[in-house]
């Protein structure tokens, strides 16, 4: 008997909180704003030096990609 009362009280509390948490209707401008994905800020243009561009051309000529390219670029720019 005690279990039934506890179950009924728990069910009533869960039901009332579910009703209390239902969202109210938002104005259409807020709905449209919520559907529009946020815009990303534009990336700043990267200024590349002549040395960097020359090293990049050399890496392209050698067909380097990934870690070997990164290693080559680092050693080329600091040489």
PDB file of N, CA and C in Angstrom:
ATOM      1  N   UNK A   1       0.823  -1.182   0.000  1.00  0.00           N
ATOM      2  CA  UNK A   1       0.000   0.000   0.000  1.00  0.00           C
ATOM      3  C   UNK A   1       0.874   1.256   0.000  1.00  0.00           C
ATOM      4  N   UNK A   2       1.907   1.228   0.837  1.00  0.00           N
ATOM      5  CA  UNK A   2       2.819   2.362   0.918  1.00  0.00           C
ATOM      6  C   UNK A   2       3.466   2.618  -0.444  1.00  0.00           C
ATOM      7  N   UNK A   3       3.798   1.554  -1.176  1.00  0.00           N
ATOM      8  CA  UNK A   3       4.438   1.657  -2.481  1.00  0.00           C
ATOM      9  C   UNK A   3       3.526   2.359  -3.478  1.00  0.00           C
ATOM     10  N   UNK A   4       2.215   2.038  -3.445  1.00  0.00           N
ATOM     11  CA  UNK A   4       1.257   2.650  -4.379  1.00  0.00           C
ATOM     12  C   UNK A   4       1.156   4.156  -4.157  1.00  0.00           C
ATOM     13  N   UNK A   5       1.128   4.575  -2.924  1.00  0.00           N
ATOM     14  CA  UNK A   5       1.021   5.996  -2.606  1.00  0.00           C
ATOM     15  C   UNK A   5       2.276   6.725  -3.075  1.00  0.00           C
ATOM     16  N   UNK A   6       3.428   6.147  -2.812  1.00  0.00           N
ATOM     17  CA  UNK A   6       4.683   6.751  -3.241  1.00  0.00           C
ATOM     18  C   UNK A   6       4.734   6.851  -4.755  1.00  0.00           C
ATOM     19  N   UNK A   7       4.302   5.809  -5.451  1.00  0.00           N
ATOM     20  CA  UNK A   7       4.309   5.804  -6.911  1.00  0.00           C
ATOM     21  C   UNK A   7       3.349   6.856  -7.465  1.00  0.00           C
ATOM     22  N   UNK A   8       2.203   7.005  -6.860  1.00  0.00           N
ATOM     23  CA  UNK A   8       1.227   8.006  -7.316  1.00  0.00           C
ATOM     24  C   UNK A   8       1.747   9.423  -7.092  1.00  0.00           C
ATOM     25  N   UNK A   9       2.341   9.660  -5.937  1.00  0.00           N
ATOM     26  CA  UNK A   9       2.879  10.987  -5.636  1.00  0.00           C
ATOM     27  C   UNK A   9       4.026  11.303  -6.593  1.00  0.00           C
ATOM     28  N   UNK A  10       4.891  10.339  -6.840  1.00  0.00           N
ATOM     29  CA  UNK A  10       6.009  10.543  -7.755  1.00  0.00           C
ATOM     30  C   UNK A  10       5.504  10.826  -9.160  1.00  0.00           C
ATOM     31  N   UNK A  11       4.528  10.071  -9.624  1.00  0.00           N
ATOM     32  CA  UNK A  11       3.964  10.275 -10.960  1.00  0.00           C
ATOM     33  C   UNK A  11       3.314  11.651 -11.068  1.00  0.00           C
ATOM     34  N   UNK A  12       2.643  12.070 -10.022  1.00  0.00           N
ATOM     35  CA  UNK A  12       2.002  13.385 -10.043  1.00  0.00           C
ATOM     36  C   UNK A  12       3.056  14.493 -10.096  1.00  0.00           C
ATOM     37  N   UNK A  13       4.130  14.337  -9.361  1.00  0.00           N
ATOM     38  CA  UNK A  13       5.186  15.343  -9.379  1.00  0.00           C
ATOM     39  C   UNK A  13       5.891  15.398 -10.723  1.00  0.00           C
ATOM     40  N   UNK A  14       6.151  14.260 -11.295  1.00  0.00           N
ATOM     41  CA  UNK A  14       6.817  14.226 -12.606  1.00  0.00           C
ATOM     42  C   UNK A  14       5.905  14.848 -13.659  1.00  0.00           C
ATOM     43  N   UNK A  15       4.649  14.521 -13.609  1.00  0.00           N
ATOM     44  CA  UNK A  15       3.695  15.086 -14.569  1.00  0.00           C
ATOM     45  C   UNK A  15       3.570  16.589 -14.443  1.00  0.00           C
ATOM     46  N   UNK A  16       3.574  17.107 -13.239  1.00  0.00           N
ATOM     47  CA  UNK A  16       3.420  18.548 -13.060  1.00  0.00           C
ATOM     48  C   UNK A  16       4.671  19.297 -13.485  1.00  0.00           C
ATOM     49  N   UNK A  17       5.844  18.711 -13.279  1.00  0.00           N
ATOM     50  CA  UNK A  17       7.061  19.400 -13.718  1.00  0.00           C
ATOM     51  C   UNK A  17       7.183  19.375 -15.226  1.00  0.00           C
ATOM     52  N   UNK A  18       6.693  18.327 -15.864  1.00  0.00           N
ATOM     53  CA  UNK A  18       6.747  18.262 -17.322  1.00  0.00           C
ATOM     54  C   UNK A  18       5.837  19.327 -17.929  1.00  0.00           C
ATOM     55  N   UNK A  19       4.705  19.544 -17.329  1.00  0.00           N
ATOM     56  CA  UNK A  19       3.785  20.566 -17.821  1.00  0.00           C
ATOM     57  C   UNK A  19       4.353  21.953 -17.555  1.00  0.00           C
ATOM     58  N   UNK A  20       4.984  22.130 -16.409  1.00  0.00           N
ATOM     59  CA  UNK A  20       5.529  23.433 -16.061  1.00  0.00           C
ATOM     60  C   UNK A  20       6.712  23.815 -16.945  1.00  0.00           C
ATOM     61  N   UNK A  21       7.391  22.836 -17.535  1.00  0.00           N
ATOM     62  CA  UNK A  21       8.581  23.118 -18.321  1.00  0.00           C
ATOM     63  C   UNK A  21       8.303  23.259 -19.808  1.00  0.00           C
ATOM     64  N   UNK A  22       7.080  23.144 -20.225  1.00  0.00           N
ATOM     65  CA  UNK A  22       6.812  23.289 -21.654  1.00  0.00           C
ATOM     66  C   UNK A  22       7.068  24.734 -22.054  1.00  0.00           C
ATOM     67  N   UNK A  23       7.785  24.934 -23.153  1.00  0.00           N
ATOM     68  CA  UNK A  23       8.128  26.299 -23.566  1.00  0.00           C
ATOM     69  C   UNK A  23       6.918  27.053 -24.092  1.00  0.00           C
ATOM     70  N   UNK A  24       6.924  28.340 -23.866  1.00  0.00           N
ATOM     71  CA  UNK A  24       5.852  29.160 -24.417  1.00  0.00           C
ATOM     72  C   UNK A  24       6.195  29.460 -25.870  1.00  0.00           C
ATOM     73  N   UNK A  25       5.247  29.913 -26.622  1.00  0.00           N
ATOM     74  CA  UNK A  25       5.473  30.207 -28.029  1.00  0.00           C
ATOM     75  C   UNK A  25       6.265  31.497 -28.163  1.00  0.00           C
ATOM     76  N   UNK A  26       7.278  31.447 -29.001  1.00  0.00           N
ATOM     77  CA  UNK A  26       8.130  32.609 -29.221  1.00  0.00           C
ATOM     78  C   UNK A  26       7.607  33.399 -30.413  1.00  0.00           C
ATOM     79  N   UNK A  27       7.828  34.704 -30.425  1.00  0.00           N
ATOM     80  CA  UNK A  27       7.446  35.487 -31.599  1.00  0.00           C
ATOM     81  C   UNK A  27       8.178  34.985 -32.837  1.00  0.00           C
ATOM     82  N   UNK A  28       7.601  35.208 -34.009  1.00  0.00           N
ATOM     83  CA  UNK A  28       8.166  34.663 -35.240  1.00  0.00           C
ATOM     84  C   UNK A  28       9.570  35.188 -35.511  1.00  0.00           C
ATOM     85  N   UNK A  29       9.901  36.392 -35.101  1.00  0.00           N
ATOM     86  CA  UNK A  29      11.249  36.904 -35.329  1.00  0.00           C
ATOM     87  C   UNK A  29      12.272  36.098 -34.544  1.00  0.00           C
ATOM     88  N   UNK A  30      11.914  35.660 -33.354  1.00  0.00           N
ATOM     89  CA  UNK A  30      12.826  34.848 -32.556  1.00  0.00           C
ATOM     90  C   UNK A  30      12.951  33.449 -33.149  1.00  0.00           C
ATOM     91  N   UNK A  31      11.878  32.928 -33.702  1.00  0.00           N
ATOM     92  CA  UNK A  31      11.924  31.606 -34.316  1.00  0.00           C
ATOM     93  C   UNK A  31      12.827  31.649 -35.540  1.00  0.00           C
ATOM     94  N   UNK A  32      12.674  32.696 -36.375  1.00  0.00           N
ATOM     95  CA  UNK A  32      13.516  32.820 -37.555  1.00  0.00           C
ATOM     96  C   UNK A  32      14.975  32.992 -37.159  1.00  0.00           C
ATOM     97  N   UNK A  33      15.231  33.736 -36.112  1.00  0.00           N
ATOM     98  CA  UNK A  33      16.603  33.941 -35.649  1.00  0.00           C
ATOM     99  C   UNK A  33      17.191  32.638 -35.114  1.00  0.00           C
ATOM    100  N   UNK A  34      16.362  31.829 -34.491  1.00  0.00           N
ATOM    101  CA  UNK A  34      16.842  30.563 -33.956  1.00  0.00           C
ATOM    102  C   UNK A  34      17.180  29.592 -35.080  1.00  0.00           C
ATOM    103  N   UNK A  35      16.502  29.670 -36.209  1.00  0.00           N
ATOM    104  CA  UNK A  35      16.756  28.764 -37.329  1.00  0.00           C
ATOM    105  C   UNK A  35      17.954  29.187 -38.160  1.00  0.00           C
ATOM    106  N   UNK A  36      18.323  30.446 -38.108  1.00  0.00           N
ATOM    107  CA  UNK A  36      19.443  30.940 -38.891  1.00  0.00           C
ATOM    108  C   UNK A  36      20.737  30.567 -38.188  1.00  0.00           C
ATOM    109  N   UNK A  37      21.634  29.838 -38.889  1.00  0.00           N
ATOM    110  CA  UNK A  37      22.887  29.471 -38.240  1.00  0.00           C
ATOM    111  C   UNK A  37      23.766  30.694 -38.023  1.00  0.00           C
ATOM    112  N   UNK A  38      24.517  30.700 -36.950  1.00  0.00           N
ATOM    113  CA  UNK A  38      25.377  31.861 -36.688  1.00  0.00           C
ATOM    114  C   UNK A  38      26.460  31.958 -37.757  1.00  0.00           C
ATOM    115  N   UNK A  39      26.805  33.171 -38.119  1.00  0.00           N
ATOM    116  CA  UNK A  39      27.842  33.366 -39.120  1.00  0.00           C
ATOM    117  C   UNK A  39      29.203  33.375 -38.442  1.00  0.00           C
ATOM    118  N   UNK A  40      30.180  32.807 -39.134  1.00  0.00           N
ATOM    119  CA  UNK A  40      31.533  32.777 -38.598  1.00  0.00           C
ATOM    120  C   UNK A  40      32.256  34.046 -39.015  1.00  0.00           C
ATOM    121  N   UNK A  41      33.067  34.570 -38.140  1.00  0.00           N
ATOM    122  CA  UNK A  41      33.828  35.760 -38.530  1.00  0.00           C
ATOM    123  C   UNK A  41      34.824  35.392 -39.623  1.00  0.00           C
ATOM    124  N   UNK A  42      35.052  36.320 -40.524  1.00  0.00           N
ATOM    125  CA  UNK A  42      35.974  36.078 -41.622  1.00  0.00           C
ATOM    126  C   UNK A  42      37.393  35.955 -41.078  1.00  0.00           C
ATOM    127  N   UNK A  43      38.149  35.029 -41.671  1.00  0.00           N
ATOM    128  CA  UNK A  43      39.530  34.849 -41.244  1.00  0.00           C
ATOM    129  C   UNK A  43      40.366  36.003 -41.774  1.00  0.00           C
ATOM    130  N   UNK A  44      41.289  36.424 -40.968  1.00  0.00           N
ATOM    131  CA  UNK A  44      42.185  37.493 -41.382  1.00  0.00           C
ATOM    132  C   UNK A  44      43.146  36.953 -42.437  1.00  0.00           C
ATOM    133  N   UNK A  45      43.459  37.760 -43.414  1.00  0.00           N
ATOM    134  CA  UNK A  45      44.376  37.356 -44.458  1.00  0.00           C
ATOM    135  C   UNK A  45      45.765  37.154 -43.860  1.00  0.00           C
ATOM    136  N   UNK A  46      46.389  36.037 -44.200  1.00  0.00           N
ATOM    137  CA  UNK A  46      47.706  35.725 -43.692  1.00  0.00           C
ATOM    138  C   UNK A  46      48.740  36.366 -44.612  1.00  0.00           C
ATOM    139  N   UNK A  47      49.595  37.153 -44.027  1.00  0.00           N
ATOM    140  CA  UNK A  47      50.645  37.807 -44.796  1.00  0.00           C
ATOM    141  C   UNK A  47      51.819  36.841 -44.860  1.00  0.00           C
ATOM    142  N   UNK A  48      52.197  36.454 -46.085  1.00  0.00           N
ATOM    143  CA  UNK A  48      53.292  35.512 -46.271  1.00  0.00           C
ATOM    144  C   UNK A  48      54.496  36.244 -46.834  1.00  0.00           C
ATOM    145  N   UNK A  49      55.627  35.947 -46.267  1.00  0.00           N
ATOM    146  CA  UNK A  49      56.851  36.601 -46.716  1.00  0.00           C
ATOM    147  C   UNK A  49      57.340  35.961 -48.013  1.00  0.00           C
ATOM    148  N   UNK A  50      58.250  36.634 -48.678  1.00  0.00           N
ATOM    149  CA  UNK A  50      58.832  36.101 -49.909  1.00  0.00           C
ATOM    150  C   UNK A  50      59.565  34.795 -49.621  1.00  0.00           C
ATOM    151  N   UNK A  51      60.225  34.720 -48.474  1.00  0.00           N
ATOM    152  CA  UNK A  51      60.942  33.501 -48.081  1.00  0.00           C
ATOM    153  C   UNK A  51      59.965  32.342 -47.919  1.00  0.00           C
ATOM    154  N   UNK A  52      58.836  32.594 -47.291  1.00  0.00           N
ATOM    155  CA  UNK A  52      57.822  31.565 -47.085  1.00  0.00           C
ATOM    156  C   UNK A  52      57.258  31.085 -48.422  1.00  0.00           C
ATOM    157  N   UNK A  53      56.995  32.010 -49.317  1.00  0.00           N
ATOM    158  CA  UNK A  53      56.461  31.640 -50.628  1.00  0.00           C
ATOM    159  C   UNK A  53      57.473  30.825 -51.420  1.00  0.00           C
ATOM    160  N   UNK A  54      58.756  31.206 -51.341  1.00  0.00           N
ATOM    161  CA  UNK A  54      59.805  30.477 -52.042  1.00  0.00           C
ATOM    162  C   UNK A  54      59.926  29.055 -51.490  1.00  0.00           C
ATOM    163  N   UNK A  55      59.888  28.913 -50.167  1.00  0.00           N
ATOM    164  CA  UNK A  55      59.965  27.591 -49.543  1.00  0.00           C
ATOM    165  C   UNK A  55      58.759  26.735 -49.928  1.00  0.00           C
ATOM    166  N   UNK A  56      57.596  27.358 -50.014  1.00  0.00           N
ATOM    167  CA  UNK A  56      56.389  26.642 -50.404  1.00  0.00           C
ATOM    168  C   UNK A  56      56.500  26.115 -51.837  1.00  0.00           C
ATOM    169  N   UNK A  57      57.052  26.922 -52.724  1.00  0.00           N
ATOM    170  CA  UNK A  57      57.251  26.485 -54.111  1.00  0.00           C
ATOM    171  C   UNK A  57      58.229  25.315 -54.171  1.00  0.00           C
ATOM    172  N   UNK A  58      59.273  25.364 -53.350  1.00  0.00           N
ATOM    173  CA  UNK A  58      60.233  24.264 -53.316  1.00  0.00           C
ATOM    174  C   UNK A  58      59.586  22.977 -52.797  1.00  0.00           C
ATOM    175  N   UNK A  59      58.737  23.123 -51.767  1.00  0.00           N
ATOM    176  CA  UNK A  59      58.043  21.957 -51.212  1.00  0.00           C
ATOM    177  C   UNK A  59      57.073  21.376 -52.235  1.00  0.00           C
ATOM    178  N   UNK A  60      56.399  22.247 -52.998  1.00  0.00           N
ATOM    179  CA  UNK A  60      55.504  21.775 -54.060  1.00  0.00           C
ATOM    180  C   UNK A  60      56.286  20.998 -55.115  1.00  0.00           C
ATOM    181  N   UNK A  61      57.453  21.517 -55.487  1.00  0.00           N
ATOM    182  CA  UNK A  61      58.274  20.861 -56.504  1.00  0.00           C
ATOM    183  C   UNK A  61      58.735  19.482 -56.034  1.00  0.00           C
ATOM    184  N   UNK A  62      58.970  19.343 -54.739  1.00  0.00           N
ATOM    185  CA  UNK A  62      59.400  18.056 -54.191  1.00  0.00           C
ATOM    186  C   UNK A  62      58.219  17.126 -53.917  1.00  0.00           C
ATOM    187  N   UNK A  63      56.989  17.665 -53.995  1.00  0.00           N
ATOM    188  CA  UNK A  63      55.797  16.849 -53.753  1.00  0.00           C
ATOM    189  C   UNK A  63      55.591  16.509 -52.291  1.00  0.00           C
ATOM    190  N   UNK A  64      56.013  17.384 -51.408  1.00  0.00           N
ATOM    191  CA  UNK A  64      55.895  17.124 -49.972  1.00  0.00           C
ATOM    192  C   UNK A  64      54.503  17.488 -49.457  1.00  0.00           C
ATOM    193  N   UNK A  65      53.991  16.639 -48.552  1.00  0.00           N
ATOM    194  CA  UNK A  65      52.688  16.878 -47.917  1.00  0.00           C
ATOM    195  C   UNK A  65      52.761  16.435 -46.468  1.00  0.00           C
ATOM    196  N   UNK A  66      51.927  17.005 -45.647  1.00  0.00           N
ATOM    197  CA  UNK A  66      51.814  16.588 -44.254  1.00  0.00           C
ATOM    198  C   UNK A  66      53.032  16.947 -43.420  1.00  0.00           C
ATOM    199  N   UNK A  67      53.431  16.008 -42.551  1.00  0.00           N
ATOM    200  CA  UNK A  67      54.539  16.262 -41.624  1.00  0.00           C
ATOM    201  C   UNK A  67      55.860  16.527 -42.341  1.00  0.00           C
ATOM    202  N   UNK A  68      56.186  15.772 -43.420  1.00  0.00           N
ATOM    203  CA  UNK A  68      57.443  16.087 -44.106  1.00  0.00           C
ATOM    204  C   UNK A  68      57.465  17.510 -44.665  1.00  0.00           C
ATOM    205  N   UNK A  69      56.328  17.983 -45.164  1.00  0.00           N
ATOM    206  CA  UNK A  69      56.256  19.352 -45.694  1.00  0.00           C
ATOM    207  C   UNK A  69      56.450  20.367 -44.567  1.00  0.00           C
ATOM    208  N   UNK A  70      55.801  20.121 -43.443  1.00  0.00           N
ATOM    209  CA  UNK A  70      55.909  21.033 -42.315  1.00  0.00           C
ATOM    210  C   UNK A  70      57.356  21.114 -41.835  1.00  0.00           C
ATOM    211  N   UNK A  71      58.009  19.969 -41.747  1.00  0.00           N
ATOM    212  CA  UNK A  71      59.400  19.932 -41.321  1.00  0.00           C
ATOM    213  C   UNK A  71      60.293  20.671 -42.318  1.00  0.00           C
ATOM    214  N   UNK A  72      60.065  20.423 -43.610  1.00  0.00           N
ATOM    215  CA  UNK A  72      60.846  21.090 -44.640  1.00  0.00           C
ATOM    216  C   UNK A  72      60.631  22.603 -44.598  1.00  0.00           C
ATOM    217  N   UNK A  73      59.398  23.032 -44.469  1.00  0.00           N
ATOM    218  CA  UNK A  73      59.082  24.462 -44.439  1.00  0.00           C
ATOM    219  C   UNK A  73      59.769  25.145 -43.254  1.00  0.00           C
ATOM    220  N   UNK A  74      59.764  24.476 -42.119  1.00  0.00           N
ATOM    221  CA  UNK A  74      60.372  25.055 -40.933  1.00  0.00           C
ATOM    222  C   UNK A  74      61.878  25.220 -41.139  1.00  0.00           C
ATOM    223  N   UNK A  75      62.524  24.156 -41.617  1.00  0.00           N
ATOM    224  CA  UNK A  75      63.977  24.247 -41.810  1.00  0.00           C
ATOM    225  C   UNK A  75      64.325  25.214 -42.929  1.00  0.00           C
ATOM    226  N   UNK A  76      63.510  25.284 -43.986  1.00  0.00           N
ATOM    227  CA  UNK A  76      63.766  26.184 -45.105  1.00  0.00           C
ATOM    228  C   UNK A  76      63.642  27.648 -44.672  1.00  0.00           C
ATOM    229  N   UNK A  77      62.603  27.963 -43.917  1.00  0.00           N
ATOM    230  CA  UNK A  77      62.394  29.367 -43.509  1.00  0.00           C
ATOM    231  C   UNK A  77      63.438  29.834 -42.503  1.00  0.00           C
ATOM    232  N   UNK A  78      63.960  28.925 -41.704  1.00  0.00           N
ATOM    233  CA  UNK A  78      64.931  29.313 -40.680  1.00  0.00           C
ATOM    234  C   UNK A  78      66.375  29.156 -41.148  1.00  0.00           C
ATOM    235  N   UNK A  79      66.568  28.759 -42.375  1.00  0.00           N
ATOM    236  CA  UNK A  79      67.935  28.574 -42.896  1.00  0.00           C
ATOM    237  C   UNK A  79      68.507  29.891 -43.371  1.00  0.00           C
TER     238      UNK A  79
END
